Amino acid sequence: MNNVLSRNTLAWLLVAQALAILPLLLTVPKWLPFLWVGMVYWRIQIFRGRWGFPSRMIKYTLSLVCVVGLFLSYSNPFALEPAVAFLAVAFVLKLAELHNRRDGIIIINIGFIAIAANFLFMQSAFAA
């Protein structure tokens, strides 16, 4: 069993993540779309062999910066909107750890939760 992600698999995962996260970008802080674009670019460069996977220190620092950004973006950090934004941040940062098939399945599952979280804000036929 081949455990490495192929180019097609990576492309479909990125498309699926884009479709799952785009509706949430209307409710999250304005800096999160830039983080997402940066992480997608980083992951593509990893696949192309130009960059390496981020070190543990970079991942921890990036996570800490994002959590601080969420605390600064919301007046009540323990409300519904910051919780969904935290889910979106985790969804985006998971690209830094996308090594194999198991990580791809985790991204798909987080995507299902992100789509369900979107229904907390939009309950229209278009959102469905």
N, C-alpha and C. Protein backbone atom coordinates (compact mmCIF):
# COMPACT_ATOMS: atom_id res chain seq x y z
N MET A 1 0.84 -1.18 0.00
CA MET A 1 0.00 0.00 0.00
C MET A 1 0.89 1.24 0.00
N ASN A 2 0.69 2.11 -0.98
CA ASN A 2 1.46 3.32 -1.11
C ASN A 2 0.88 4.38 -0.18
N ASN A 3 1.69 4.90 0.71
CA ASN A 3 1.21 5.84 1.73
C ASN A 3 1.56 7.29 1.40
N VAL A 4 2.21 7.53 0.27
CA VAL A 4 2.63 8.87 -0.12
C VAL A 4 1.51 9.50 -0.96
N LEU A 5 1.29 10.79 -0.78
CA LEU A 5 0.26 11.49 -1.55
C LEU A 5 0.74 11.76 -2.97
N SER A 6 -0.10 11.42 -3.93
CA SER A 6 0.22 11.72 -5.32
C SER A 6 -0.15 13.16 -5.64
N ARG A 7 0.26 13.61 -6.82
CA ARG A 7 -0.06 14.97 -7.24
C ARG A 7 -1.56 15.16 -7.35
N ASN A 8 -2.26 14.18 -7.92
CA ASN A 8 -3.72 14.28 -8.05
C ASN A 8 -4.41 14.31 -6.70
N THR A 9 -3.94 13.49 -5.78
CA THR A 9 -4.53 13.46 -4.44
C THR A 9 -4.34 14.79 -3.74
N LEU A 10 -3.14 15.34 -3.82
CA LEU A 10 -2.88 16.64 -3.20
C LEU A 10 -3.74 17.73 -3.83
N ALA A 11 -3.85 17.71 -5.15
CA ALA A 11 -4.67 18.71 -5.84
C ALA A 11 -6.12 18.62 -5.40
N TRP A 12 -6.66 17.41 -5.32
CA TRP A 12 -8.06 17.25 -4.90
C TRP A 12 -8.26 17.63 -3.44
N LEU A 13 -7.28 17.35 -2.61
CA LEU A 13 -7.39 17.77 -1.20
C LEU A 13 -7.40 19.30 -1.08
N LEU A 14 -6.56 19.96 -1.87
CA LEU A 14 -6.54 21.42 -1.82
C LEU A 14 -7.83 22.02 -2.36
N VAL A 15 -8.38 21.42 -3.41
CA VAL A 15 -9.67 21.89 -3.94
C VAL A 15 -10.78 21.66 -2.92
N ALA A 16 -10.79 20.48 -2.30
CA ALA A 16 -11.81 20.18 -1.30
C ALA A 16 -11.70 21.13 -0.10
N GLN A 17 -10.47 21.40 0.31
CA GLN A 17 -10.30 22.34 1.43
C GLN A 17 -10.77 23.73 1.04
N ALA A 18 -10.48 24.15 -0.17
CA ALA A 18 -10.92 25.47 -0.63
C ALA A 18 -12.45 25.55 -0.61
N LEU A 19 -13.11 24.53 -1.12
CA LEU A 19 -14.57 24.54 -1.15
C LEU A 19 -15.18 24.51 0.25
N ALA A 20 -14.51 23.84 1.17
CA ALA A 20 -15.03 23.76 2.54
C ALA A 20 -14.77 25.04 3.33
N ILE A 21 -13.66 25.69 3.05
CA ILE A 21 -13.29 26.85 3.88
C ILE A 21 -13.77 28.18 3.30
N LEU A 22 -14.03 28.26 2.01
CA LEU A 22 -14.43 29.53 1.41
C LEU A 22 -15.66 30.15 2.07
N PRO A 23 -16.73 29.41 2.34
CA PRO A 23 -17.88 30.05 3.02
C PRO A 23 -17.53 30.55 4.42
N LEU A 24 -16.61 29.89 5.09
CA LEU A 24 -16.23 30.32 6.44
C LEU A 24 -15.41 31.61 6.42
N LEU A 25 -14.79 31.92 5.30
CA LEU A 25 -13.95 33.11 5.23
C LEU A 25 -14.75 34.40 5.38
N LEU A 26 -16.07 34.30 5.29
CA LEU A 26 -16.92 35.47 5.51
C LEU A 26 -17.07 35.80 6.99
N THR A 27 -16.81 34.83 7.85
CA THR A 27 -17.04 35.03 9.29
C THR A 27 -15.77 35.05 10.12
N VAL A 28 -14.65 34.69 9.54
CA VAL A 28 -13.40 34.64 10.30
C VAL A 28 -12.66 35.97 10.17
N PRO A 29 -11.62 36.20 10.97
CA PRO A 29 -10.85 37.46 10.84
C PRO A 29 -10.26 37.63 9.44
N LYS A 30 -10.03 38.86 9.08
CA LYS A 30 -9.57 39.20 7.72
C LYS A 30 -8.19 38.66 7.40
N TRP A 31 -7.39 38.31 8.40
CA TRP A 31 -6.05 37.81 8.14
C TRP A 31 -6.03 36.31 7.81
N LEU A 32 -7.11 35.60 8.13
CA LEU A 32 -7.12 34.15 7.92
C LEU A 32 -7.05 33.74 6.44
N PRO A 33 -7.72 34.43 5.51
CA PRO A 33 -7.54 34.05 4.10
C PRO A 33 -6.09 34.17 3.63
N PHE A 34 -5.37 35.14 4.14
CA PHE A 34 -3.95 35.28 3.77
C PHE A 34 -3.13 34.12 4.33
N LEU A 35 -3.45 33.69 5.54
CA LEU A 35 -2.79 32.52 6.11
C LEU A 35 -3.05 31.30 5.26
N TRP A 36 -4.31 31.14 4.83
CA TRP A 36 -4.67 29.99 4.02
C TRP A 36 -3.91 29.98 2.69
N VAL A 37 -3.86 31.12 2.01
CA VAL A 37 -3.14 31.20 0.74
C VAL A 37 -1.66 30.90 0.96
N GLY A 38 -1.10 31.43 2.04
CA GLY A 38 0.30 31.16 2.34
C GLY A 38 0.58 29.69 2.61
N MET A 39 -0.32 29.04 3.34
CA MET A 39 -0.12 27.62 3.64
C MET A 39 -0.29 26.76 2.39
N VAL A 40 -1.23 27.11 1.53
CA VAL A 40 -1.39 26.38 0.27
C VAL A 40 -0.13 26.53 -0.58
N TYR A 41 0.38 27.76 -0.65
CA TYR A 41 1.60 28.00 -1.42
C TYR A 41 2.77 27.19 -0.83
N TRP A 42 2.89 27.20 0.48
CA TRP A 42 3.97 26.45 1.15
C TRP A 42 3.85 24.96 0.83
N ARG A 43 2.62 24.43 0.90
CA ARG A 43 2.42 23.00 0.65
C ARG A 43 2.75 22.64 -0.79
N ILE A 44 2.41 23.52 -1.72
CA ILE A 44 2.73 23.26 -3.12
C ILE A 44 4.25 23.27 -3.32
N GLN A 45 4.94 24.20 -2.66
CA GLN A 45 6.40 24.25 -2.77
C GLN A 45 7.04 23.01 -2.15
N ILE A 46 6.44 22.49 -1.09
CA ILE A 46 6.94 21.23 -0.49
C ILE A 46 6.80 20.11 -1.51
N PHE A 47 5.64 20.03 -2.15
CA PHE A 47 5.42 18.96 -3.12
C PHE A 47 6.39 19.07 -4.29
N ARG A 48 6.68 20.28 -4.72
CA ARG A 48 7.60 20.48 -5.84
C ARG A 48 9.06 20.24 -5.45
N GLY A 49 9.32 20.07 -4.16
CA GLY A 49 10.68 19.80 -3.70
C GLY A 49 11.53 21.03 -3.49
N ARG A 50 10.92 22.19 -3.56
CA ARG A 50 11.69 23.44 -3.40
C ARG A 50 11.86 23.82 -1.94
N TRP A 51 10.89 23.49 -1.12
CA TRP A 51 10.96 23.79 0.32
C TRP A 51 10.76 22.49 1.08
N GLY A 52 11.18 22.49 2.34
CA GLY A 52 10.97 21.34 3.19
C GLY A 52 9.76 21.55 4.09
N PHE A 53 9.40 20.50 4.78
CA PHE A 53 8.33 20.61 5.75
C PHE A 53 8.79 21.52 6.89
N PRO A 54 7.88 22.29 7.47
CA PRO A 54 8.28 23.18 8.56
C PRO A 54 8.74 22.38 9.78
N SER A 55 9.70 22.94 10.49
CA SER A 55 10.18 22.28 11.70
C SER A 55 9.12 22.38 12.79
N ARG A 56 9.31 21.62 13.83
CA ARG A 56 8.38 21.64 14.96
C ARG A 56 8.31 23.04 15.57
N MET A 57 9.44 23.72 15.66
CA MET A 57 9.47 25.07 16.23
C MET A 57 8.66 26.04 15.38
N ILE A 58 8.77 25.95 14.06
CA ILE A 58 8.00 26.83 13.17
C ILE A 58 6.51 26.54 13.32
N LYS A 59 6.14 25.27 13.40
CA LYS A 59 4.72 24.93 13.57
C LYS A 59 4.18 25.45 14.89
N TYR A 60 4.95 25.30 15.97
CA TYR A 60 4.51 25.81 17.28
C TYR A 60 4.39 27.33 17.26
N THR A 61 5.37 27.99 16.66
CA THR A 61 5.34 29.46 16.60
C THR A 61 4.15 29.94 15.77
N LEU A 62 3.93 29.32 14.64
CA LEU A 62 2.81 29.70 13.79
C LEU A 62 1.48 29.46 14.51
N SER A 63 1.37 28.36 15.22
CA SER A 63 0.16 28.08 15.98
C SER A 63 -0.06 29.11 17.08
N LEU A 64 1.00 29.45 17.78
CA LEU A 64 0.89 30.44 18.86
C LEU A 64 0.49 31.81 18.31
N VAL A 65 1.11 32.21 17.19
CA VAL A 65 0.77 33.49 16.57
C VAL A 65 -0.70 33.51 16.16
N CYS A 66 -1.19 32.41 15.62
CA CYS A 66 -2.60 32.34 15.21
C CYS A 66 -3.54 32.41 16.41
N VAL A 67 -3.22 31.73 17.49
CA VAL A 67 -4.07 31.78 18.68
C VAL A 67 -4.08 33.19 19.27
N VAL A 68 -2.92 33.83 19.32
CA VAL A 68 -2.87 35.22 19.79
C VAL A 68 -3.67 36.12 18.85
N GLY A 69 -3.56 35.89 17.56
CA GLY A 69 -4.34 36.65 16.59
C GLY A 69 -5.83 36.49 16.80
N LEU A 70 -6.26 35.28 17.13
CA LEU A 70 -7.68 35.06 17.41
C LEU A 70 -8.12 35.79 18.67
N PHE A 71 -7.29 35.76 19.71
CA PHE A 71 -7.62 36.47 20.95
C PHE A 71 -7.71 37.97 20.69
N LEU A 72 -6.85 38.51 19.85
CA LEU A 72 -6.87 39.94 19.55
C LEU A 72 -8.01 40.31 18.59
N SER A 73 -8.49 39.36 17.82
CA SER A 73 -9.53 39.64 16.83
C SER A 73 -10.93 39.65 17.41
N TYR A 74 -11.12 39.01 18.55
CA TYR A 74 -12.46 38.89 19.13
C TYR A 74 -12.48 39.47 20.53
N SER A 75 -13.56 40.18 20.85
CA SER A 75 -13.67 40.75 22.19
C SER A 75 -13.98 39.67 23.23
N ASN A 76 -14.76 38.67 22.84
CA ASN A 76 -15.05 37.54 23.73
C ASN A 76 -14.46 36.29 23.09
N PRO A 77 -13.29 35.86 23.51
CA PRO A 77 -12.63 34.75 22.83
C PRO A 77 -13.29 33.38 23.07
N PHE A 78 -14.30 33.33 23.92
CA PHE A 78 -14.94 32.06 24.22
C PHE A 78 -16.36 31.99 23.67
N ALA A 79 -16.64 32.74 22.61
CA ALA A 79 -17.95 32.73 21.96
C ALA A 79 -17.92 31.77 20.77
N LEU A 80 -19.02 31.72 20.04
CA LEU A 80 -19.15 30.81 18.91
C LEU A 80 -18.23 31.19 17.75
N GLU A 81 -18.18 32.45 17.39
CA GLU A 81 -17.37 32.88 16.25
C GLU A 81 -15.88 32.57 16.43
N PRO A 82 -15.29 32.87 17.59
CA PRO A 82 -13.88 32.49 17.76
C PRO A 82 -13.65 30.98 17.74
N ALA A 83 -14.61 30.21 18.20
CA ALA A 83 -14.46 28.76 18.17
C ALA A 83 -14.44 28.25 16.73
N VAL A 84 -15.30 28.79 15.90
CA VAL A 84 -15.31 28.41 14.48
C VAL A 84 -14.04 28.91 13.80
N ALA A 85 -13.59 30.10 14.16
CA ALA A 85 -12.34 30.62 13.60
C ALA A 85 -11.16 29.74 14.01
N PHE A 86 -11.17 29.24 15.24
CA PHE A 86 -10.10 28.33 15.69
C PHE A 86 -10.13 27.05 14.88
N LEU A 87 -11.33 26.54 14.59
CA LEU A 87 -11.46 25.36 13.73
C LEU A 87 -10.87 25.64 12.35
N ALA A 88 -11.17 26.83 11.81
CA ALA A 88 -10.64 27.18 10.49
C ALA A 88 -9.11 27.30 10.53
N VAL A 89 -8.58 27.86 11.59
CA VAL A 89 -7.12 27.96 11.73
C VAL A 89 -6.49 26.57 11.79
N ALA A 90 -7.07 25.68 12.57
CA ALA A 90 -6.55 24.31 12.65
C ALA A 90 -6.63 23.61 11.29
N PHE A 91 -7.73 23.85 10.58
CA PHE A 91 -7.93 23.28 9.26
C PHE A 91 -6.84 23.76 8.29
N VAL A 92 -6.52 25.04 8.36
CA VAL A 92 -5.51 25.62 7.48
C VAL A 92 -4.12 25.14 7.87
N LEU A 93 -3.81 25.15 9.16
CA LEU A 93 -2.47 24.76 9.60
C LEU A 93 -2.19 23.27 9.41
N LYS A 94 -3.22 22.48 9.25
CA LYS A 94 -3.02 21.05 9.02
C LYS A 94 -2.27 20.80 7.71
N LEU A 95 -2.31 21.77 6.79
CA LEU A 95 -1.55 21.62 5.55
C LEU A 95 -0.06 21.49 5.80
N ALA A 96 0.42 22.09 6.89
CA ALA A 96 1.85 22.00 7.21
C ALA A 96 2.25 20.59 7.62
N GLU A 97 1.29 19.77 7.99
CA GLU A 97 1.57 18.40 8.42
C GLU A 97 1.04 17.35 7.46
N LEU A 98 0.71 17.76 6.26
CA LEU A 98 0.12 16.85 5.28
C LEU A 98 1.23 16.02 4.64
N HIS A 99 1.51 14.86 5.25
CA HIS A 99 2.59 14.00 4.77
C HIS A 99 2.08 12.80 3.99
N ASN A 100 1.03 12.16 4.48
CA ASN A 100 0.62 10.88 3.92
C ASN A 100 -0.90 10.77 3.84
N ARG A 101 -1.36 9.60 3.49
CA ARG A 101 -2.79 9.34 3.30
C ARG A 101 -3.59 9.59 4.57
N ARG A 102 -3.08 9.20 5.70
CA ARG A 102 -3.79 9.40 6.97
C ARG A 102 -4.02 10.88 7.23
N ASP A 103 -3.04 11.72 6.96
CA ASP A 103 -3.20 13.16 7.12
C ASP A 103 -4.25 13.71 6.16
N GLY A 104 -4.30 13.14 4.95
CA GLY A 104 -5.32 13.54 3.98
C GLY A 104 -6.72 13.21 4.47
N ILE A 105 -6.87 12.06 5.09
CA ILE A 105 -8.17 11.67 5.63
C ILE A 105 -8.56 12.60 6.78
N ILE A 106 -7.60 13.00 7.59
CA ILE A 106 -7.89 13.95 8.67
C ILE A 106 -8.36 15.28 8.10
N ILE A 107 -7.72 15.74 7.03
CA ILE A 107 -8.14 17.00 6.40
C ILE A 107 -9.57 16.87 5.87
N ILE A 108 -9.89 15.74 5.27
CA ILE A 108 -11.26 15.54 4.77
C ILE A 108 -12.25 15.59 5.93
N ASN A 109 -11.94 14.93 7.03
CA ASN A 109 -12.85 14.93 8.17
C ASN A 109 -13.01 16.32 8.80
N ILE A 110 -11.92 17.06 8.91
CA ILE A 110 -12.04 18.43 9.42
C ILE A 110 -12.86 19.27 8.45
N GLY A 111 -12.75 18.99 7.16
CA GLY A 111 -13.56 19.68 6.17
C GLY A 111 -15.04 19.46 6.37
N PHE A 112 -15.43 18.23 6.71
CA PHE A 112 -16.85 17.96 6.99
C PHE A 112 -17.33 18.78 8.18
N ILE A 113 -16.49 18.89 9.20
CA ILE A 113 -16.86 19.67 10.38
C ILE A 113 -16.93 21.15 10.02
N ALA A 114 -16.01 21.63 9.18
CA ALA A 114 -16.03 23.03 8.76
C ALA A 114 -17.30 23.35 7.96
N ILE A 115 -17.71 22.43 7.11
CA ILE A 115 -18.94 22.63 6.35
C ILE A 115 -20.14 22.68 7.29
N ALA A 116 -20.16 21.79 8.27
CA ALA A 116 -21.25 21.82 9.25
C ALA A 116 -21.22 23.10 10.08
N ALA A 117 -20.03 23.59 10.40
CA ALA A 117 -19.92 24.83 11.18
C ALA A 117 -20.43 26.02 10.38
N ASN A 118 -20.32 25.96 9.07
CA ASN A 118 -20.84 27.05 8.24
C ASN A 118 -22.34 27.20 8.40
N PHE A 119 -23.04 26.11 8.67
CA PHE A 119 -24.49 26.17 8.85
C PHE A 119 -24.88 26.91 10.12
N LEU A 120 -23.94 27.14 11.02
CA LEU A 120 -24.24 27.95 12.20
C LEU A 120 -24.46 29.42 11.82
N PHE A 121 -23.87 29.84 10.71
CA PHE A 121 -23.95 31.23 10.29
C PHE A 121 -24.89 31.45 9.10
N MET A 122 -24.95 30.48 8.19
CA MET A 122 -25.80 30.60 7.00
C MET A 122 -26.66 29.36 6.89
N GLN A 123 -27.95 29.55 6.86
CA GLN A 123 -28.87 28.43 6.73
C GLN A 123 -29.76 28.60 5.51
N SER A 124 -29.16 29.06 4.43
CA SER A 124 -29.90 29.27 3.20
C SER A 124 -29.79 28.01 2.31
N ALA A 125 -30.60 28.01 1.26
CA ALA A 125 -30.53 26.92 0.31
C ALA A 125 -29.20 26.92 -0.41
N PHE A 126 -28.65 28.10 -0.68
CA PHE A 126 -27.35 28.21 -1.34
C PHE A 126 -26.26 27.59 -0.48
N ALA A 127 -26.30 27.83 0.82
CA ALA A 127 -25.29 27.27 1.72
C ALA A 127 -25.41 25.75 1.78
N ALA A 128 -26.62 25.26 1.69
CA ALA A 128 -26.82 23.80 1.73
C ALA A 128 -26.24 23.17 0.48
